[in-house]
C-alpha atoms as a PDB file:
ATOM      1  CA  MET A   1       3.490  53.887 -28.711  1.00  0.00           C
ATOM      2  CA  LEU A   2       1.782  52.722 -31.888  1.00  0.00           C
ATOM      3  CA  PRO A   3      -1.304  54.558 -33.190  1.00  0.00           C
ATOM      4  CA  PHE A   4      -4.610  53.046 -32.101  1.00  0.00           C
ATOM      5  CA  ALA A   5      -5.479  51.989 -35.638  1.00  0.00           C
ATOM      6  CA  ALA A   6      -6.335  48.830 -37.564  1.00  0.00           C
ATOM      7  CA  TYR A   7      -5.334  48.041 -41.129  1.00  0.00           C
ATOM      8  CA  LEU A   8      -6.881  46.212 -44.081  1.00  0.00           C
ATOM      9  CA  ARG A   9      -4.138  45.285 -46.544  1.00  0.00           C
ATOM     10  CA  VAL A  10      -3.864  43.648 -49.956  1.00  0.00           C
ATOM     11  CA  TYR A  11      -0.666  41.823 -50.896  1.00  0.00           C
ATOM     12  CA  GLU A  12      -0.328  41.357 -54.655  1.00  0.00           C
ATOM     13  CA  PRO A  13       1.893  38.652 -56.180  1.00  0.00           C
ATOM     14  CA  LEU A  14       5.144  39.988 -57.559  1.00  0.00           C
ATOM     15  CA  THR A  15       3.952  39.168 -61.095  1.00  0.00           C
ATOM     16  CA  ALA A  16       1.124  41.722 -60.732  1.00  0.00           C
ATOM     17  CA  PHE A  17       3.647  44.576 -60.963  1.00  0.00           C
ATOM     18  CA  GLY A  18       5.412  45.986 -64.009  1.00  0.00           C
ATOM     19  CA  ALA A  19       8.866  44.720 -64.986  1.00  0.00           C
ATOM     20  CA  SER A  20      10.781  47.562 -63.323  1.00  0.00           C
ATOM     21  CA  GLU A  21       8.712  47.303 -60.155  1.00  0.00           C
ATOM     22  CA  GLN A  22       9.183  43.524 -60.058  1.00  0.00           C
ATOM     23  CA  LYS A  23      12.936  43.995 -60.136  1.00  0.00           C
ATOM     24  CA  ALA A  24      12.825  46.697 -57.444  1.00  0.00           C
ATOM     25  CA  TRP A  25      10.584  44.673 -55.095  1.00  0.00           C
ATOM     26  CA  ALA A  26      12.638  41.495 -55.596  1.00  0.00           C
ATOM     27  CA  GLU A  27      15.795  43.398 -54.649  1.00  0.00           C
ATOM     28  CA  TYR A  28      13.958  44.961 -51.714  1.00  0.00           C
ATOM     29  CA  ALA A  29      12.864  41.544 -50.435  1.00  0.00           C
ATOM     30  CA  ALA A  30      16.474  40.323 -50.592  1.00  0.00           C
ATOM     31  CA  SER A  31      17.782  43.383 -48.749  1.00  0.00           C
ATOM     32  CA  THR A  32      19.105  42.928 -45.224  1.00  0.00           C
ATOM     33  CA  ASP A  33      18.405  46.497 -44.037  1.00  0.00           C
ATOM     34  CA  ARG A  34      14.692  46.829 -44.889  1.00  0.00           C
ATOM     35  CA  PRO A  35      12.164  47.015 -42.034  1.00  0.00           C
ATOM     36  CA  ARG A  36      11.147  43.492 -40.973  1.00  0.00           C
ATOM     37  CA  ARG A  37       7.528  42.541 -40.358  1.00  0.00           C
ATOM     38  CA  ALA A  38       7.929  42.694 -36.568  1.00  0.00           C
ATOM     39  CA  THR A  39       9.100  46.326 -36.693  1.00  0.00           C
ATOM     40  CA  ALA A  40       7.588  47.582 -39.965  1.00  0.00           C
ATOM     41  CA  LEU A  41       4.549  49.232 -38.376  1.00  0.00           C
ATOM     42  CA  GLU A  42       6.768  51.038 -35.886  1.00  0.00           C
ATOM     43  CA  ALA A  43       9.054  52.200 -38.688  1.00  0.00           C
ATOM     44  CA  GLU A  44       6.123  53.458 -40.756  1.00  0.00           C
ATOM     45  CA  HIS A  45       4.685  55.306 -37.758  1.00  0.00           C
ATOM     46  CA  GLY A  46       8.102  56.744 -36.905  1.00  0.00           C
ATOM     47  CA  GLU A  47       8.457  58.259 -40.379  1.00  0.00           C
ATOM     48  CA  SER A  48       5.094  59.982 -40.020  1.00  0.00           C
ATOM     49  CA  LEU A  49       5.945  61.369 -36.594  1.00  0.00           C
ATOM     50  CA  MET A  50       9.213  62.838 -37.853  1.00  0.00           C
ATOM     51  CA  ARG A  51       7.338  64.737 -40.582  1.00  0.00           C
ATOM     52  CA  LEU A  52       4.581  66.000 -38.279  1.00  0.00           C
ATOM     53  CA  LEU A  53       6.919  67.028 -35.462  1.00  0.00           C
ATOM     54  CA  GLY A  54       9.185  68.965 -37.812  1.00  0.00           C
ATOM     55  CA  ARG A  55       9.207  72.749 -38.079  1.00  0.00           C
ATOM     56  CA  PRO A  56       7.231  73.360 -40.160  1.00  0.00           C
ATOM     57  CA  PRO A  57       5.264  70.086 -40.166  1.00  0.00           C
ATOM     58  CA  HIS A  58       4.757  68.330 -43.502  1.00  0.00           C
ATOM     59  CA  PRO A  59       1.490  66.503 -44.211  1.00  0.00           C
ATOM     60  CA  ALA A  60       3.098  64.239 -46.843  1.00  0.00           C
ATOM     61  CA  PRO A  61       6.638  63.117 -47.694  1.00  0.00           C
ATOM     62  CA  GLY A  62       8.364  64.636 -50.691  1.00  0.00           C
ATOM     63  CA  GLN A  63       8.809  61.232 -52.368  1.00  0.00           C
ATOM     64  CA  GLU A  64       6.807  58.015 -52.361  1.00  0.00           C
ATOM     65  CA  SER A  65       7.961  55.354 -49.912  1.00  0.00           C
ATOM     66  CA  ARG A  66      10.109  52.536 -51.237  1.00  0.00           C
ATOM     67  CA  ASN A  67       9.063  50.238 -48.389  1.00  0.00           C
ATOM     68  CA  ALA A  68       6.443  47.501 -48.354  1.00  0.00           C
ATOM     69  CA  TYR A  69       4.966  44.748 -46.223  1.00  0.00           C
ATOM     70  CA  LEU A  70       5.964  41.357 -47.595  1.00  0.00           C
ATOM     71  CA  ARG A  71       4.568  37.850 -47.354  1.00  0.00           C
ATOM     72  CA  ARG A  72       5.908  34.597 -48.764  1.00  0.00           C
ATOM     73  CA  VAL A  73       3.752  31.551 -49.467  1.00  0.00           C
ATOM     74  CA  GLU A  74       6.016  28.675 -50.440  1.00  0.00           C
ATOM     75  CA  ASP A  75       8.267  30.284 -53.089  1.00  0.00           C
ATOM     76  CA  ARG A  76       5.868  33.048 -54.071  1.00  0.00           C
ATOM     77  CA  LEU A  77       6.471  36.640 -52.960  1.00  0.00           C
ATOM     78  CA  TYR A  78       3.532  38.946 -52.193  1.00  0.00           C
ATOM     79  CA  VAL A  79       3.983  42.710 -51.869  1.00  0.00           C
ATOM     80  CA  CYS A  80       1.893  45.359 -50.115  1.00  0.00           C
ATOM     81  CA  PRO A  81       3.523  48.763 -50.803  1.00  0.00           C
ATOM     82  CA  TRP A  82       3.315  51.311 -48.002  1.00  0.00           C
ATOM     83  CA  GLN A  83       2.379  54.115 -50.453  1.00  0.00           C
ATOM     84  CA  THR A  84       2.976  56.577 -47.622  1.00  0.00           C
ATOM     85  CA  ARG A  85       2.865  59.673 -49.819  1.00  0.00           C
ATOM     86  CA  LEU A  86      -0.425  58.754 -51.509  1.00  0.00           C
ATOM     87  CA  ARG A  87      -2.061  57.682 -48.243  1.00  0.00           C
ATOM     88  CA  SER A  88      -0.881  60.904 -46.577  1.00  0.00           C
ATOM     89  CA  TRP A  89      -2.316  62.986 -49.409  1.00  0.00           C
ATOM     90  CA  LEU A  90      -5.661  61.211 -49.139  1.00  0.00           C
ATOM     91  CA  ALA A  91      -5.755  61.626 -45.354  1.00  0.00           C
ATOM     92  CA  PHE A  92      -4.803  65.291 -45.677  1.00  0.00           C
ATOM     93  CA  SER A  93      -7.590  65.867 -48.227  1.00  0.00           C
ATOM     94  CA  ARG A  94     -10.143  64.298 -45.871  1.00  0.00           C
ATOM     95  CA  LEU A  95      -8.885  66.396 -42.965  1.00  0.00           C
ATOM     96  CA  ARG A  96      -8.967  69.599 -45.001  1.00  0.00           C
ATOM     97  CA  GLY A  97     -12.427  68.859 -46.357  1.00  0.00           C
ATOM     98  CA  ASN A  98     -13.881  68.232 -42.889  1.00  0.00           C
ATOM     99  CA  THR A  99     -12.091  70.970 -40.901  1.00  0.00           C
ATOM    100  CA  PRO A 100     -12.980  74.673 -40.736  1.00  0.00           C
ATOM    101  CA  VAL A 101     -10.349  76.884 -42.355  1.00  0.00           C
ATOM    102  CA  LYS A 102      -9.445  78.710 -39.134  1.00  0.00           C
ATOM    103  CA  LEU A 103      -8.936  75.426 -37.315  1.00  0.00           C
ATOM    104  CA  MET A 104      -6.990  73.942 -40.217  1.00  0.00           C
ATOM    105  CA  ASP A 105      -4.481  76.784 -39.909  1.00  0.00           C
ATOM    106  CA  LYS A 106      -3.684  75.488 -36.407  1.00  0.00           C
ATOM    107  CA  PHE A 107      -2.518  72.165 -37.856  1.00  0.00           C
ATOM    108  CA  TYR A 108      -0.407  73.415 -40.772  1.00  0.00           C
ATOM    109  CA  PRO A 109       0.785  76.810 -42.032  1.00  0.00           C
ATOM    110  CA  LYS A 110      -1.433  77.888 -44.942  1.00  0.00           C
ATOM    111  CA  ALA A 111       1.485  77.912 -47.374  1.00  0.00           C
ATOM    112  CA  ILE A 112       2.362  74.295 -46.495  1.00  0.00           C
ATOM    113  CA  ALA A 113      -1.284  73.188 -46.761  1.00  0.00           C
ATOM    114  CA  ASP A 114      -1.743  74.917 -50.127  1.00  0.00           C
ATOM    115  CA  GLN A 115       1.491  73.429 -51.487  1.00  0.00           C
ATOM    116  CA  THR A 116       0.428  69.930 -50.368  1.00  0.00           C
ATOM    117  CA  ALA A 117      -2.961  70.325 -52.062  1.00  0.00           C
ATOM    118  CA  ASP A 118      -1.297  71.581 -55.260  1.00  0.00           C
ATOM    119  CA  ASP A 119       1.145  68.650 -55.292  1.00  0.00           C
ATOM    120  CA  PHE A 120      -1.732  66.207 -54.922  1.00  0.00           C
ATOM    121  CA  ASP A 121      -3.729  67.898 -57.686  1.00  0.00           C
ATOM    122  CA  ARG A 122      -0.773  67.601 -60.065  1.00  0.00           C
ATOM    123  CA  TYR A 123      -0.386  63.934 -59.162  1.00  0.00           C
ATOM    124  CA  LYS A 124      -4.092  63.251 -59.836  1.00  0.00           C
ATOM    125  CA  ARG A 125      -3.936  64.991 -63.208  1.00  0.00           C
ATOM    126  CA  ALA A 126      -0.895  62.929 -64.185  1.00  0.00           C
ATOM    127  CA  LYS A 127      -2.053  59.540 -62.866  1.00  0.00           C
ATOM    128  CA  GLY A 128      -5.846  59.711 -63.143  1.00  0.00           C
ATOM    129  CA  SER A 129      -8.214  57.705 -60.962  1.00  0.00           C
ATOM    130  CA  ALA A 130      -6.066  54.555 -61.292  1.00  0.00           C
ATOM    131  CA  GLY A 131      -3.291  56.334 -59.431  1.00  0.00           C
ATOM    132  CA  LEU A 132      -5.457  56.690 -56.320  1.00  0.00           C
ATOM    133  CA  ARG A 133      -5.581  52.954 -55.580  1.00  0.00           C
ATOM    134  CA  THR A 134      -4.051  52.160 -52.200  1.00  0.00           C
ATOM    135  CA  HIS A 135      -3.067  48.708 -50.935  1.00  0.00           C
ATOM    136  CA  ILE A 136      -3.739  49.715 -47.327  1.00  0.00           C
ATOM    137  CA  ARG A 137      -6.847  51.046 -45.597  1.00  0.00           C
ATOM    138  CA  THR A 138      -6.653  52.472 -42.081  1.00  0.00           C
ATOM    139  CA  SER A 139      -9.293  52.812 -39.367  1.00  0.00           C
ATOM    140  CA  THR A 140      -8.617  54.560 -36.052  1.00  0.00           C
ATOM    141  CA  TRP A 141     -10.060  53.403 -32.714  1.00  0.00           C
ATOM    142  CA  HIS A 142     -12.107  50.554 -34.203  1.00  0.00           C
ATOM    143  CA  VAL A 143     -12.435  47.965 -36.940  1.00  0.00           C
ATOM    144  CA  PRO A 144     -15.376  48.670 -39.303  1.00  0.00           C
ATOM    145  CA  LEU A 145     -17.840  45.769 -39.376  1.00  0.00           C
ATOM    146  CA  SER A 146     -17.474  45.520 -43.164  1.00  0.00           C
ATOM    147  CA  TRP A 147     -13.794  44.632 -42.730  1.00  0.00           C
ATOM    148  CA  PHE A 148     -14.677  41.373 -40.981  1.00  0.00           C
ATOM    149  CA  VAL A 149     -16.753  40.093 -43.913  1.00  0.00           C
ATOM    150  CA  PRO A 150     -13.905  38.872 -46.213  1.00  0.00           C
ATOM    151  CA  PHE A 151     -12.530  36.511 -43.558  1.00  0.00           C
ATOM    152  CA  ASP A 152     -13.387  33.265 -41.755  1.00  0.00           C
ATOM    153  CA  GLY A 153     -13.035  32.620 -38.035  1.00  0.00           C
ATOM    154  CA  THR A 154     -10.557  29.792 -38.692  1.00  0.00           C
ATOM    155  CA  GLU A 155      -8.130  32.276 -40.294  1.00  0.00           C
ATOM    156  CA  ARG A 156      -7.587  34.035 -36.972  1.00  0.00           C
ATOM    157  CA  TRP A 157      -3.991  34.326 -35.725  1.00  0.00           C
ATOM    158  CA  LEU A 158      -3.569  35.616 -32.159  1.00  0.00           C
ATOM    159  CA  VAL A 159      -0.268  36.273 -30.386  1.00  0.00           C
ATOM    160  CA  LEU A 160      -0.517  37.775 -26.898  1.00  0.00           C
ATOM    161  CA  GLY A 161       3.184  38.490 -26.475  1.00  0.00           C
ATOM    162  CA  THR A 162       4.841  39.332 -23.200  1.00  0.00           C
ATOM    163  CA  ALA A 163       2.912  41.932 -21.219  1.00  0.00           C
ATOM    164  CA  GLY A 164       4.539  44.468 -18.931  1.00  0.00           C
ATOM    165  CA  LYS A 165       2.853  46.339 -16.092  1.00  0.00           C
ATOM    166  CA  ASP A 166       1.131  48.531 -18.657  1.00  0.00           C
ATOM    167  CA  VAL A 167      -0.677  46.745 -21.484  1.00  0.00           C
ATOM    168  CA  THR A 168       0.456  49.460 -23.921  1.00  0.00           C
ATOM    169  CA  THR A 169       4.057  48.260 -23.557  1.00  0.00           C
ATOM    170  CA  THR A 170       3.252  44.692 -24.618  1.00  0.00           C
ATOM    171  CA  THR A 171       5.592  43.435 -27.341  1.00  0.00           C
ATOM    172  CA  GLY A 172       4.936  40.832 -29.997  1.00  0.00           C
ATOM    173  CA  ARG A 173       1.185  41.330 -29.604  1.00  0.00           C
ATOM    174  CA  ASN A 174      -0.947  40.725 -32.694  1.00  0.00           C
ATOM    175  CA  LEU A 175      -4.387  39.722 -33.908  1.00  0.00           C
ATOM    176  CA  ILE A 176      -4.398  39.087 -37.649  1.00  0.00           C
ATOM    177  CA  TYR A 177      -6.559  37.375 -40.261  1.00  0.00           C
ATOM    178  CA  VAL A 178      -5.232  36.414 -43.708  1.00  0.00           C
ATOM    179  CA  THR A 179      -7.156  34.921 -46.615  1.00  0.00           C
ATOM    180  CA  SER A 180      -6.942  34.529 -50.387  1.00  0.00           C
ATOM    181  CA  MET A 181      -8.462  37.137 -52.670  1.00  0.00           C
ATOM    182  CA  ALA A 182     -10.785  34.509 -54.139  1.00  0.00           C
ATOM    183  CA  GLN A 183     -12.202  33.682 -50.708  1.00  0.00           C
ATOM    184  CA  ALA A 184     -12.440  37.356 -49.735  1.00  0.00           C
ATOM    185  CA  ARG A 185     -14.404  38.216 -52.873  1.00  0.00           C
ATOM    186  CA  ARG A 186     -16.707  35.203 -52.516  1.00  0.00           C
ATOM    187  CA  ARG A 187     -17.565  35.995 -48.892  1.00  0.00           C
ATOM    188  CA  THR A 188     -18.074  39.677 -49.618  1.00  0.00           C
ATOM    189  CA  ALA A 189     -20.354  38.924 -52.575  1.00  0.00           C
ATOM    190  CA  ARG A 190     -22.424  36.534 -50.453  1.00  0.00           C
ATOM    191  CA  ALA A 191     -22.719  39.097 -47.659  1.00  0.00           C
ATOM    192  CA  LEU A 192     -23.921  41.718 -50.143  1.00  0.00           C
ATOM    193  CA  GLN A 193     -26.593  39.377 -51.462  1.00  0.00           C
ATOM    194  CA  VAL A 194     -27.839  38.597 -47.942  1.00  0.00           C
ATOM    195  CA  LEU A 195     -27.880  42.251 -46.877  1.00  0.00           C
ATOM    196  CA  ARG A 196     -29.644  43.475 -49.998  1.00  0.00           C
ATOM    197  CA  ARG A 197     -32.218  40.706 -49.760  1.00  0.00           C
ATOM    198  CA  HIS A 198     -33.056  41.282 -46.098  1.00  0.00           C
ATOM    199  CA  VAL A 199     -32.173  44.865 -45.164  1.00  0.00           C
ATOM    200  CA  GLY A 200     -32.001  46.741 -48.473  1.00  0.00           C
ATOM    201  CA  GLU A 201     -29.633  49.601 -49.317  1.00  0.00           C
ATOM    202  CA  VAL A 202     -28.672  50.663 -45.795  1.00  0.00           C
ATOM    203  CA  ALA A 203     -25.331  51.962 -44.532  1.00  0.00           C
ATOM    204  CA  THR A 204     -24.045  48.487 -43.645  1.00  0.00           C
ATOM    205  CA  SER A 205     -24.565  47.065 -47.130  1.00  0.00           C
ATOM    206  CA  MET A 206     -23.056  50.202 -48.693  1.00  0.00           C
ATOM    207  CA  GLU A 207     -19.913  49.753 -46.575  1.00  0.00           C
ATOM    208  CA  VAL A 208     -19.632  46.095 -47.608  1.00  0.00           C
ATOM    209  CA  GLU A 209     -20.106  47.108 -51.245  1.00  0.00           C
ATOM    210  CA  ASP A 210     -17.275  49.631 -50.879  1.00  0.00           C
ATOM    211  CA  VAL A 211     -14.950  46.892 -49.616  1.00  0.00           C
ATOM    212  CA  ALA A 212     -16.071  44.577 -52.432  1.00  0.00           C
ATOM    213  CA  ARG A 213     -15.308  47.195 -55.091  1.00  0.00           C
ATOM    214  CA  TRP A 214     -11.910  47.890 -53.548  1.00  0.00           C
ATOM    215  CA  LEU A 215     -10.983  44.191 -53.600  1.00  0.00           C
ATOM    216  CA  GLU A 216     -11.889  44.001 -57.294  1.00  0.00           C
ATOM    217  CA  GLU A 217      -9.110  46.491 -58.089  1.00  0.00           C
ATOM    218  CA  PHE A 218      -6.347  43.972 -57.336  1.00  0.00           C
ATOM    219  CA  HIS A 219      -4.844  40.843 -58.845  1.00  0.00           C
ATOM    220  CA  PRO A 220      -7.151  37.821 -58.369  1.00  0.00           C
ATOM    221  CA  HIS A 221      -4.339  35.801 -56.765  1.00  0.00           C
ATOM    222  CA  SER A 222      -3.602  38.390 -54.083  1.00  0.00           C
ATOM    223  CA  LEU A 223      -3.778  37.908 -50.306  1.00  0.00           C
ATOM    224  CA  VAL A 224      -6.007  39.990 -48.015  1.00  0.00           C
ATOM    225  CA  GLU A 225      -5.018  40.762 -44.431  1.00  0.00           C
ATOM    226  CA  LEU A 226      -6.862  42.292 -41.489  1.00  0.00           C
ATOM    227  CA  ASP A 227      -4.428  43.533 -38.836  1.00  0.00           C
ATOM    228  CA  TYR A 228      -5.721  44.876 -35.514  1.00  0.00           C
ATOM    229  CA  GLY A 229      -2.505  46.924 -35.384  1.00  0.00           C
ATOM    230  CA  GLY A 230      -2.269  49.213 -32.359  1.00  0.00           C
ATOM    231  CA  LEU A 231      -5.787  48.336 -31.192  1.00  0.00           C
ATOM    232  CA  VAL A 232      -4.399  45.234 -29.485  1.00  0.00           C
ATOM    233  CA  HIS A 233      -2.807  47.564 -26.934  1.00  0.00           C
ATOM    234  CA  LEU A 234      -6.239  48.798 -25.869  1.00  0.00           C
ATOM    235  CA  MET A 235      -7.371  45.257 -25.049  1.00  0.00           C
ATOM    236  CA  ASP A 236      -6.153  42.969 -22.284  1.00  0.00           C
ATOM    237  CA  ASP A 237      -5.443  39.283 -22.868  1.00  0.00           C
ATOM    238  CA  GLU A 238      -8.932  38.134 -21.961  1.00  0.00           C
ATOM    239  CA  ALA A 239     -10.557  40.683 -24.265  1.00  0.00           C
ATOM    240  CA  LEU A 240      -8.372  39.570 -27.165  1.00  0.00           C
ATOM    241  CA  LYS A 241      -9.072  35.891 -26.516  1.00  0.00           C
ATOM    242  CA  ALA A 242     -12.810  36.639 -26.434  1.00  0.00           C
ATOM    243  CA  ASP A 243     -12.747  38.704 -29.633  1.00  0.00           C
ATOM    244  CA  HIS A 244     -14.236  36.562 -32.400  1.00  0.00           C
ATOM    245  CA  SER A 245     -15.710  39.430 -34.390  1.00  0.00           C
ATOM    246  CA  VAL A 246     -15.193  37.708 -37.752  1.00  0.00           C
ATOM    247  CA  ALA A 247     -17.087  34.599 -36.643  1.00  0.00           C
ATOM    248  CA  GLU A 248     -19.817  36.718 -35.033  1.00  0.00           C
ATOM    249  CA  VAL A 249     -20.390  38.768 -38.195  1.00  0.00           C
ATOM    250  CA  ALA A 250     -20.519  35.558 -40.248  1.00  0.00           C
ATOM    251  CA  ALA A 251     -23.039  34.056 -37.785  1.00  0.00           C
ATOM    252  CA  ALA A 252     -25.174  37.211 -37.979  1.00  0.00           C
ATOM    253  CA  LEU A 253     -25.273  36.978 -41.777  1.00  0.00           C
ATOM    254  CA  THR A 254     -26.099  33.286 -41.684  1.00  0.00           C
ATOM    255  CA  GLY A 255     -28.874  33.890 -39.150  1.00  0.00           C
ATOM    256  CA  LEU A 256     -30.282  36.672 -41.294  1.00  0.00           C
ATOM    257  CA  ASP A 257     -30.251  34.477 -44.390  1.00  0.00           C
ATOM    258  CA  THR A 258     -31.831  31.415 -42.711  1.00  0.00           C
ATOM    259  CA  GLY A 259     -34.583  33.240 -40.854  1.00  0.00           C
ATOM    260  CA  GLN A 260     -32.920  32.937 -37.445  1.00  0.00           C
ATOM    261  CA  GLU A 261     -33.575  36.548 -36.551  1.00  0.00           C
ATOM    262  CA  GLU A 262     -32.777  36.201 -32.845  1.00  0.00           C
ATOM    263  CA  LEU A 263     -29.378  34.684 -33.643  1.00  0.00           C
ATOM    264  CA  ALA A 264     -28.665  37.387 -36.219  1.00  0.00           C
ATOM    265  CA  PHE A 265     -29.597  40.164 -33.798  1.00  0.00           C
ATOM    266  CA  ALA A 266     -27.623  38.655 -30.897  1.00  0.00           C
ATOM    267  CA  MET A 267     -24.438  38.281 -32.954  1.00  0.00           C
ATOM    268  CA  TYR A 268     -24.795  41.727 -34.518  1.00  0.00           C
ATOM    269  CA  GLN A 269     -25.412  43.284 -31.108  1.00  0.00           C
ATOM    270  CA  ARG A 270     -22.393  41.567 -29.579  1.00  0.00           C
ATOM    271  CA  VAL A 271     -19.901  42.719 -32.185  1.00  0.00           C
ATOM    272  CA  THR A 272     -21.414  46.207 -32.458  1.00  0.00           C
ATOM    273  CA  LEU A 273     -21.283  46.856 -28.712  1.00  0.00           C
ATOM    274  CA  ARG A 274     -17.691  45.622 -28.532  1.00  0.00           C
ATOM    275  CA  TRP A 275     -16.481  48.119 -31.119  1.00  0.00           C
ATOM    276  CA  LYS A 276     -18.672  51.006 -29.991  1.00  0.00           C
ATOM    277  CA  SER A 277     -17.138  50.729 -26.516  1.00  0.00           C
ATOM    278  CA  MET A 278     -13.702  50.778 -28.156  1.00  0.00           C
ATOM    279  CA  GLN A 279     -14.535  53.917 -30.143  1.00  0.00           C
ATOM    280  CA  LEU A 280     -15.603  55.727 -26.977  1.00  0.00           C
ATOM    281  CA  LEU A 281     -11.995  55.519 -25.745  1.00  0.00           C
ATOM    282  CA  GLU A 282     -11.060  58.160 -28.325  1.00  0.00           C
ATOM    283  CA  SER A 283     -12.792  60.849 -26.247  1.00  0.00           C
ATOM    284  CA  ALA A 284     -11.980  59.403 -22.799  1.00  0.00           C
ATOM    285  CA  ASN A 285      -9.744  61.333 -20.422  1.00  0.00           C
END
């Protein structure tokens, strides 16, 4: 069972990395025993489960992952490192910051939690803010509306796979969008202009601005990918076919910018209700 999470990923061209990293990623891409795209998410999830189910559990691996998601466009290789250790540290810090101390002790022994925090602090002192850049963002139980902004409805790639009796056992099931960094930045910048002009500095525009700033941290010739990940297993075939959230968000922005308020509200309402109903599944019995 995959986690019910979606992913926003940036794939940088191989030339964006340093010489030693270029060599390592080129050798990795040529390797025959690396996780393939079809099984990479399962492999990444499996590594995390092994750490958390251990005795004692470990919030983060001892070393950074040497794995990555790869894409090839013609003869050009694009790399999205897993960065499992860094992402685990960041997730652990958020959990620790939002959880009462007594409850936190139920998740991890205090000594393990303190050691993890100390390791992360040393890493931050050594690497600085630049070392906190992650190529992958994760969202559980829903896709944030701001994640739809960098894409166009025509970039949608849907594979329903072969369903068993239980939709959660469906294999080869994906809903993915991929675009160029140039297009992603242009669409995000336009969305920010529309939102600031018509709704001001509200939460929605702040979330879009956060995505825009994140995209600016990467090579301008990168690729950007939205992957519904494990969320596709919460949706039946008809729900996936009917999901055009990217196009609906784009239509809402266009309606807002052209004075078509009813269109803007209808599209916004449609996509918002879809994902709110998905989020409610987190607390369902």
